[in-house]
N, C-alpha and C. Protein backbone atom coordinates (compact mmCIF):
# COMPACT_ATOMS: atom_id res chain seq x y z
N MET A 1 -17.10 -19.56 22.66
CA MET A 1 -16.78 -18.71 21.54
C MET A 1 -15.37 -19.06 21.04
N GLU A 2 -15.24 -19.25 19.75
CA GLU A 2 -13.98 -19.63 19.16
C GLU A 2 -13.06 -18.42 19.02
N GLU A 3 -11.79 -18.61 19.38
CA GLU A 3 -10.82 -17.53 19.29
C GLU A 3 -10.42 -17.31 17.84
N GLU A 4 -10.29 -16.04 17.45
CA GLU A 4 -9.90 -15.72 16.08
C GLU A 4 -8.43 -16.08 15.87
N GLN A 5 -8.11 -16.49 14.66
CA GLN A 5 -6.76 -16.87 14.31
C GLN A 5 -6.00 -15.65 13.80
N THR A 6 -4.78 -15.47 14.27
CA THR A 6 -3.94 -14.39 13.77
C THR A 6 -3.28 -14.83 12.47
N LEU A 7 -2.72 -13.86 11.77
CA LEU A 7 -1.98 -14.20 10.54
C LEU A 7 -0.76 -15.06 10.88
N ARG A 8 -0.11 -14.80 12.01
CA ARG A 8 1.03 -15.63 12.41
C ARG A 8 0.60 -17.07 12.65
N GLN A 9 -0.55 -17.24 13.28
CA GLN A 9 -1.06 -18.60 13.51
C GLN A 9 -1.41 -19.27 12.19
N LEU A 10 -1.97 -18.51 11.26
CA LEU A 10 -2.28 -19.06 9.94
C LEU A 10 -1.00 -19.49 9.24
N GLN A 11 0.03 -18.65 9.32
CA GLN A 11 1.30 -19.02 8.69
C GLN A 11 1.86 -20.30 9.30
N ALA A 12 1.76 -20.44 10.61
CA ALA A 12 2.23 -21.65 11.29
C ALA A 12 1.40 -22.86 10.88
N GLN A 13 0.09 -22.68 10.76
CA GLN A 13 -0.79 -23.78 10.37
C GLN A 13 -0.48 -24.25 8.95
N VAL A 14 -0.27 -23.32 8.04
CA VAL A 14 0.07 -23.69 6.66
C VAL A 14 1.41 -24.40 6.64
N ASP A 15 2.38 -23.88 7.38
CA ASP A 15 3.71 -24.51 7.41
C ASP A 15 3.63 -25.93 7.95
N LYS A 16 2.85 -26.12 9.02
CA LYS A 16 2.70 -27.46 9.58
C LYS A 16 2.08 -28.41 8.56
N TRP A 17 1.07 -27.93 7.81
CA TRP A 17 0.44 -28.78 6.79
C TRP A 17 1.45 -29.14 5.70
N ILE A 18 2.22 -28.15 5.26
CA ILE A 18 3.23 -28.42 4.23
C ILE A 18 4.23 -29.46 4.73
N GLN A 19 4.69 -29.30 5.96
CA GLN A 19 5.71 -30.20 6.51
C GLN A 19 5.18 -31.61 6.76
N THR A 20 3.89 -31.76 7.05
CA THR A 20 3.36 -33.08 7.39
C THR A 20 2.59 -33.75 6.26
N LYS A 21 1.96 -32.96 5.41
CA LYS A 21 1.13 -33.56 4.36
C LYS A 21 1.56 -33.15 2.95
N GLY A 22 2.14 -31.99 2.82
CA GLY A 22 2.47 -31.46 1.51
C GLY A 22 3.86 -31.85 1.02
N VAL A 23 4.59 -32.61 1.79
CA VAL A 23 5.95 -33.09 1.52
C VAL A 23 6.96 -31.95 1.62
N ARG A 24 6.82 -30.90 0.79
CA ARG A 24 7.69 -29.73 0.84
C ARG A 24 7.01 -28.59 0.10
N TYR A 25 7.53 -27.40 0.29
CA TYR A 25 7.03 -26.26 -0.48
C TYR A 25 7.44 -26.41 -1.93
N PHE A 26 6.57 -26.01 -2.84
CA PHE A 26 6.99 -25.85 -4.23
C PHE A 26 7.99 -24.70 -4.24
N SER A 27 8.75 -24.58 -5.30
CA SER A 27 9.68 -23.45 -5.39
C SER A 27 8.89 -22.14 -5.39
N GLU A 28 9.56 -21.07 -5.02
CA GLU A 28 8.90 -19.77 -4.97
C GLU A 28 8.33 -19.39 -6.34
N LEU A 29 9.08 -19.67 -7.38
CA LEU A 29 8.61 -19.33 -8.72
C LEU A 29 7.39 -20.17 -9.10
N THR A 30 7.41 -21.46 -8.75
CA THR A 30 6.24 -22.30 -9.01
C THR A 30 5.04 -21.79 -8.24
N ASN A 31 5.24 -21.44 -6.97
CA ASN A 31 4.13 -20.92 -6.18
C ASN A 31 3.62 -19.60 -6.73
N MET A 32 4.49 -18.79 -7.31
CA MET A 32 4.02 -17.55 -7.94
C MET A 32 3.09 -17.89 -9.10
N GLY A 33 3.45 -18.89 -9.88
CA GLY A 33 2.58 -19.34 -10.97
C GLY A 33 1.27 -19.91 -10.46
N VAL A 34 1.34 -20.70 -9.40
CA VAL A 34 0.12 -21.27 -8.79
C VAL A 34 -0.78 -20.14 -8.28
N LEU A 35 -0.17 -19.12 -7.66
CA LEU A 35 -0.94 -17.98 -7.18
C LEU A 35 -1.68 -17.30 -8.34
N MET A 36 -1.00 -17.11 -9.44
CA MET A 36 -1.64 -16.48 -10.61
C MET A 36 -2.78 -17.35 -11.14
N GLU A 37 -2.59 -18.68 -11.13
CA GLU A 37 -3.68 -19.58 -11.53
C GLU A 37 -4.89 -19.43 -10.63
N GLU A 38 -4.64 -19.40 -9.32
CA GLU A 38 -5.74 -19.28 -8.36
C GLU A 38 -6.44 -17.93 -8.49
N VAL A 39 -5.69 -16.86 -8.69
CA VAL A 39 -6.29 -15.54 -8.89
C VAL A 39 -7.13 -15.56 -10.17
N GLY A 40 -6.64 -16.24 -11.19
CA GLY A 40 -7.41 -16.36 -12.43
C GLY A 40 -8.72 -17.10 -12.23
N GLU A 41 -8.70 -18.16 -11.43
CA GLU A 41 -9.94 -18.89 -11.13
C GLU A 41 -10.92 -18.00 -10.38
N LEU A 42 -10.42 -17.23 -9.44
CA LEU A 42 -11.26 -16.29 -8.70
C LEU A 42 -11.82 -15.22 -9.65
N ALA A 43 -10.97 -14.70 -10.52
CA ALA A 43 -11.41 -13.68 -11.47
C ALA A 43 -12.51 -14.21 -12.38
N ARG A 44 -12.38 -15.44 -12.80
CA ARG A 44 -13.38 -16.05 -13.68
C ARG A 44 -14.75 -16.07 -13.00
N ILE A 45 -14.78 -16.49 -11.74
CA ILE A 45 -16.04 -16.56 -11.02
C ILE A 45 -16.61 -15.15 -10.79
N LEU A 46 -15.75 -14.22 -10.38
CA LEU A 46 -16.23 -12.86 -10.10
C LEU A 46 -16.74 -12.16 -11.35
N THR A 47 -16.06 -12.35 -12.49
CA THR A 47 -16.52 -11.69 -13.72
C THR A 47 -17.83 -12.28 -14.20
N ARG A 48 -18.07 -13.53 -13.89
CA ARG A 48 -19.33 -14.14 -14.30
C ARG A 48 -20.44 -13.88 -13.29
N THR A 49 -20.08 -13.69 -12.03
CA THR A 49 -21.07 -13.41 -11.00
C THR A 49 -21.48 -11.94 -11.01
N TYR A 50 -20.52 -11.05 -11.12
CA TYR A 50 -20.79 -9.62 -10.99
C TYR A 50 -20.58 -8.85 -12.30
N GLY A 51 -19.97 -9.48 -13.28
CA GLY A 51 -19.71 -8.82 -14.55
C GLY A 51 -20.73 -9.19 -15.60
N ASP A 52 -20.36 -8.98 -16.84
CA ASP A 52 -21.29 -9.16 -17.96
C ASP A 52 -21.29 -10.57 -18.55
N GLN A 53 -20.31 -11.38 -18.20
CA GLN A 53 -20.27 -12.73 -18.76
C GLN A 53 -21.17 -13.67 -17.99
N SER A 54 -21.57 -14.74 -18.63
CA SER A 54 -22.39 -15.75 -17.97
C SER A 54 -21.58 -17.03 -17.79
N PHE A 55 -22.04 -17.86 -16.89
CA PHE A 55 -21.38 -19.14 -16.66
C PHE A 55 -21.70 -20.10 -17.79
N LYS A 56 -20.73 -20.92 -18.11
CA LYS A 56 -20.94 -22.00 -19.07
C LYS A 56 -21.71 -23.11 -18.37
N LYS A 57 -22.36 -23.94 -19.14
CA LYS A 57 -23.10 -25.06 -18.57
C LYS A 57 -22.14 -25.92 -17.74
N GLY A 58 -22.53 -26.18 -16.50
CA GLY A 58 -21.73 -27.01 -15.61
C GLY A 58 -20.75 -26.25 -14.73
N GLU A 59 -20.53 -24.97 -15.01
CA GLU A 59 -19.65 -24.17 -14.17
C GLU A 59 -20.35 -23.83 -12.85
N ARG A 60 -19.59 -23.83 -11.77
CA ARG A 60 -20.14 -23.51 -10.45
C ARG A 60 -20.02 -22.03 -10.17
N ALA A 61 -21.04 -21.47 -9.60
CA ALA A 61 -21.05 -20.05 -9.26
C ALA A 61 -20.87 -19.81 -7.78
N ASP A 62 -20.84 -20.87 -7.00
CA ASP A 62 -20.91 -20.71 -5.55
C ASP A 62 -19.60 -20.93 -4.81
N ASN A 63 -18.48 -20.87 -5.51
CA ASN A 63 -17.24 -21.20 -4.82
C ASN A 63 -16.28 -20.01 -4.72
N ILE A 64 -16.81 -18.81 -4.53
CA ILE A 64 -15.95 -17.64 -4.33
C ILE A 64 -15.11 -17.81 -3.07
N ALA A 65 -15.72 -18.27 -1.98
CA ALA A 65 -14.99 -18.46 -0.72
C ALA A 65 -13.86 -19.47 -0.91
N GLU A 66 -14.14 -20.54 -1.62
CA GLU A 66 -13.12 -21.57 -1.87
C GLU A 66 -11.94 -20.98 -2.64
N GLU A 67 -12.23 -20.20 -3.66
CA GLU A 67 -11.17 -19.61 -4.47
C GLU A 67 -10.39 -18.57 -3.69
N LEU A 68 -11.07 -17.76 -2.87
CA LEU A 68 -10.36 -16.79 -2.02
C LEU A 68 -9.43 -17.52 -1.05
N ALA A 69 -9.90 -18.63 -0.48
CA ALA A 69 -9.07 -19.41 0.44
C ALA A 69 -7.87 -20.01 -0.28
N ASP A 70 -8.06 -20.47 -1.52
CA ASP A 70 -6.93 -21.00 -2.30
C ASP A 70 -5.88 -19.92 -2.54
N VAL A 71 -6.33 -18.71 -2.88
CA VAL A 71 -5.41 -17.59 -3.10
C VAL A 71 -4.64 -17.30 -1.81
N LEU A 72 -5.36 -17.24 -0.69
CA LEU A 72 -4.73 -16.95 0.59
C LEU A 72 -3.72 -18.03 0.97
N PHE A 73 -4.06 -19.29 0.75
CA PHE A 73 -3.16 -20.40 1.09
C PHE A 73 -1.84 -20.26 0.36
N VAL A 74 -1.90 -20.03 -0.93
CA VAL A 74 -0.66 -19.92 -1.71
C VAL A 74 0.11 -18.65 -1.33
N LEU A 75 -0.61 -17.57 -1.06
CA LEU A 75 0.03 -16.33 -0.62
C LEU A 75 0.78 -16.56 0.70
N VAL A 76 0.16 -17.30 1.60
CA VAL A 76 0.80 -17.62 2.87
C VAL A 76 2.03 -18.50 2.64
N CYS A 77 1.94 -19.44 1.72
CA CYS A 77 3.11 -20.26 1.38
C CYS A 77 4.26 -19.37 0.93
N LEU A 78 3.98 -18.43 0.05
CA LEU A 78 5.03 -17.52 -0.43
C LEU A 78 5.61 -16.68 0.70
N ALA A 79 4.77 -16.22 1.61
CA ALA A 79 5.26 -15.46 2.75
C ALA A 79 6.18 -16.32 3.60
N ASN A 80 5.78 -17.55 3.86
CA ASN A 80 6.60 -18.46 4.65
C ASN A 80 7.94 -18.71 3.99
N GLN A 81 7.91 -18.93 2.68
CA GLN A 81 9.13 -19.24 1.95
C GLN A 81 10.11 -18.07 1.90
N THR A 82 9.58 -16.88 1.91
CA THR A 82 10.44 -15.69 1.75
C THR A 82 10.71 -14.98 3.07
N GLY A 83 10.24 -15.58 4.17
CA GLY A 83 10.53 -15.03 5.48
C GLY A 83 9.72 -13.79 5.84
N VAL A 84 8.56 -13.63 5.23
CA VAL A 84 7.71 -12.48 5.51
C VAL A 84 6.75 -12.82 6.65
N ASP A 85 6.74 -11.99 7.67
CA ASP A 85 5.79 -12.09 8.77
C ASP A 85 4.57 -11.28 8.34
N LEU A 86 3.52 -11.96 7.90
CA LEU A 86 2.34 -11.27 7.39
C LEU A 86 1.66 -10.42 8.45
N GLN A 87 1.70 -10.84 9.70
CA GLN A 87 1.11 -10.05 10.78
C GLN A 87 1.78 -8.68 10.83
N LYS A 88 3.11 -8.68 10.86
CA LYS A 88 3.88 -7.43 10.91
C LYS A 88 3.68 -6.63 9.63
N ALA A 89 3.69 -7.31 8.48
CA ALA A 89 3.54 -6.62 7.20
C ALA A 89 2.19 -5.91 7.11
N MET A 90 1.13 -6.56 7.60
CA MET A 90 -0.19 -5.92 7.57
C MET A 90 -0.29 -4.77 8.56
N GLU A 91 0.34 -4.92 9.71
CA GLU A 91 0.36 -3.81 10.66
C GLU A 91 1.06 -2.59 10.05
N GLU A 92 2.17 -2.83 9.35
CA GLU A 92 2.89 -1.75 8.68
C GLU A 92 2.07 -1.16 7.53
N ALA A 93 1.36 -2.02 6.81
CA ALA A 93 0.52 -1.54 5.71
C ALA A 93 -0.61 -0.65 6.23
N PHE A 94 -1.22 -1.03 7.36
CA PHE A 94 -2.28 -0.20 7.93
C PHE A 94 -1.72 1.11 8.48
N HIS A 95 -0.52 1.06 9.05
CA HIS A 95 0.11 2.29 9.52
C HIS A 95 0.31 3.25 8.34
N LYS A 96 0.80 2.71 7.23
CA LYS A 96 1.01 3.53 6.04
C LYS A 96 -0.32 4.12 5.56
N ARG A 97 -1.35 3.30 5.51
CA ARG A 97 -2.65 3.78 5.04
C ARG A 97 -3.25 4.81 6.00
N ASN A 98 -2.98 4.65 7.29
CA ASN A 98 -3.52 5.58 8.28
C ASN A 98 -2.72 6.87 8.37
N THR A 99 -1.54 6.90 7.79
CA THR A 99 -0.76 8.14 7.79
C THR A 99 -0.76 8.75 6.39
N ARG A 100 -0.14 8.10 5.45
CA ARG A 100 -0.04 8.63 4.09
C ARG A 100 -1.41 8.81 3.44
N ASP A 101 -2.29 7.87 3.63
CA ASP A 101 -3.59 7.88 2.96
C ASP A 101 -4.74 8.26 3.88
N ALA A 102 -4.43 8.91 5.00
CA ALA A 102 -5.46 9.21 6.01
C ALA A 102 -6.65 9.97 5.44
N THR A 103 -6.41 10.91 4.54
CA THR A 103 -7.51 11.70 3.97
C THR A 103 -7.59 11.58 2.46
N ARG A 104 -6.72 10.79 1.88
CA ARG A 104 -6.66 10.67 0.43
C ARG A 104 -8.00 10.27 -0.18
N HIS A 105 -8.62 9.25 0.35
CA HIS A 105 -9.87 8.74 -0.23
C HIS A 105 -11.07 9.59 0.18
N ILE A 106 -11.05 10.10 1.42
CA ILE A 106 -12.13 10.95 1.88
C ILE A 106 -12.24 12.21 1.03
N ASN A 107 -11.08 12.71 0.60
CA ASN A 107 -11.05 13.94 -0.19
C ASN A 107 -11.09 13.70 -1.70
N ASN A 108 -11.28 12.49 -2.12
CA ASN A 108 -11.29 12.15 -3.53
C ASN A 108 -12.70 12.40 -4.09
N PRO A 109 -12.89 13.42 -4.94
CA PRO A 109 -14.22 13.70 -5.46
C PRO A 109 -14.78 12.57 -6.31
N LYS A 110 -13.94 11.71 -6.84
CA LYS A 110 -14.41 10.58 -7.65
C LYS A 110 -15.16 9.56 -6.80
N LEU A 111 -14.93 9.59 -5.51
CA LEU A 111 -15.56 8.62 -4.62
C LEU A 111 -16.80 9.16 -3.92
N LYS A 112 -17.16 10.36 -4.24
CA LYS A 112 -18.33 10.98 -3.59
C LYS A 112 -19.60 10.54 -4.28
């Protein structure tokens, strides 16, 4: 059975790839733009798969996983560049959701 990868391990793996194959990180601002491009590509597929628009001839409908991975890769690059420990950040985010938002959604009549 394969061991699951932690966010810290993912950050290390991305950093190693950048250092050995990617030459260097793009600037933070460039990576922010790249992230927006990747999110746009994901949005295009999702709006055509689950929304009202249709795919143009030749467009692929089967690469949602690829686009999600591209978004995650660039997001991890930005975390590495700005010194964010995503493992810790997610633990803190879940703590916040489990305290501040513990009953917020359960008690939301719009979600019933």
